[in-house]
Amino acid sequence: MFEKTLSDLVKGLRSNKRREAEYVSKCIAEIKEELQSKDKSHNVKANAVVKLAYLQMLGYDMQWASFHIVEVMSSPGFAQKRLGYLGASVSFNDETEVVLLCTNMFKKDFQDASPFVVGLAINCLANICTTDLARDLVADVVQLMNSNRAYVRKKAVLVMYKIFLKFPDALRPSFPKLKEKLEDRDTSTVSCAVNVICELARKNPQNYLALAPIFFKLLTHTANNWMLIKIVKLLGALCPLEPRLGKKLVEPLTNLINTTPAKSLLYEAIHTVSVGMTPHLEIVQLSMDKLKDFVEDEDQNLKYLGLLAMGNFMKVHPRIVAEHKTMILKCLNDEDITIRHRALDLVSGMVTKKNLQDIVRILMEHVENSEGSFRHDLVDKIIEVSSANGYAAVTNFEWYITTLCKLARVPGVCNGLNLKHQLMDVIIRVRAVREFGVAAMVDILRDIDMLSQCSRDPSSAEVMYAAAWLVGEFSDLLEDSKRAGVMDSLLSKRVMCLPEHVQSVYLHSALKIYVSASKGYSPTANLLEDDTVSNHTVDLLSQA
């Protein structure tokens, strides 16, 4: 009888793309026949299982063949057993009932004389481990950690992590044995133990603080970059829990930062400094110098990581980061928007009373040259840095109001609501700048281009809302020569393009100005006698 091989199956699928379902159904029927084979060597069944594994990876459910896969897993021949374990790894899950039948088979294969058979069983357990399997096999795996073959020891160490996830009660009794592997004579086994403990420590670093001396020894004696990365990560998680550890790490990490050519290891060392060693200024300054090289590198990934790490230092040492202000602001011109956003995030921590206006000027230039969401983020950032801590960095509020008005006039800026709140907040709060602010709002109300912009961008209407409300609220600050023009602007037919809630504020403000101008005069207010006021304005006020 001729059976199709996996290669035949793949070729058939490629040549039957338009009727794949029909072809797969035919193949499954053939596979079912093969699984009934009486061949004692299990060659036919193994061939069927490998085809099932491929179909499983294509999305076809093969749970119906689980028992046959277990049969192939129990084959005496290594080649057939390997395919059986492959099929189980691909298709078994927590709901597979026959998994319970595998317990004794795992125990048997764990005792096999061939390390490769033991390795197959360990690999499969890592893929299909359930709570029951973890509970029943943890003792056997712990025994394998004592194997005289490093190939088996390192696999046993790694699978312990999966066992801990499925059966947490196994962690406490088996941890001493795992700890021993940190001092194993085989480097790869030590690396595996470090990896497992690092993953465990991500959830609760406090439990592994007692291992700090061992990891410190490994840090100073190993040359394996992969292991060093894991060790540095773990020590970085432990530093905030034990301040004395940070002091101890200054010398080895300084040497590491100065000597390693591996960018990945260098970044992890710097990250550890940023999260747990910030009180040590010398290594912080060294780290910032290295991050400067990252940001100036042509590799966009390194540039991004450099800015990201600077953000960690910004929380504690903003002045040290601010020393690189020019370089960071230069990143706002980068083609990669993610890098531009990272640079923009750093701006907040660099602002002082002395440099606020310079930084805002640079950001304003980018607002005019940018587009889309980044332009909106720039506007929000200008407002954020200026209004931070109750406008602590603003020394000239006339400048700030002028800046807000310039932003409001930039076409395509959709930050109207934010600008509205800022204009109202500043002019209401700061009495000394109120008259200047009202004059600026008058200019906005009379700006025909702003009205036209509102029809294209509804957000701009919120700025008009603020301008109208402020002019009405502080109408006593209006110059007499401008009252008539303001009334005309508030009651012009052009304002009909504005949203209703904005039109309502326009009308209320017009009434406030009218009442303010009428105080102390005859019922027929002088304002209405002014020839410069349009008939349309007079009609609206009369109706009101």
Foldseek 3Di string as FASTA:
>chain_A
DDDDALVNVVVVCVVPVVPNVVVVVVNVVSLVVQLPDPPLQCPSLLRSLLNVLVVVVVPDQDLVCLVSLVVQCLHPDPVSVLSSLSSLLRHAEPPRPCVVVCQVVLLVQCPDPDVVSVLSSLVSCLRHPALVSLVSCVVSLLVQCPDPDPSSNQSSLQSVLVSCVRHVVSCVVSVVSLLVQCVDPDPSSVLSSLVSVLVVCVVPLVVCLVCLVSLVVCLVPDPDLSSNLSSLQSLLSCQVVPVVSLVVCPVSLVVCCVDDPDPSNNLSSLLSCLRHVLVPVVVPLVSLVVLVVQLPDPPPVSNLSSLVSLVSNLVPCLPSSLVCVVSLLVQCPPPDVSSVVSSLVSVLSNAALVCLVVVLVSLVVVLLVDADPVNQVSVVSNLCSCCPPNRRSDPDVLVVLVSLLVLLLRAHHLCLQVSLVVLLVCLVPDVVCVLVSLVSLLVCLLDVSLLVSCLVHVSSLSSVLSSLQSCLVVVVSDDPVCLQVSLCSLQPPSCVSHDPVSNVSSLNSSVSNVVVQQPPHPPVGVSLVDPSHDPSSVVSVVVD
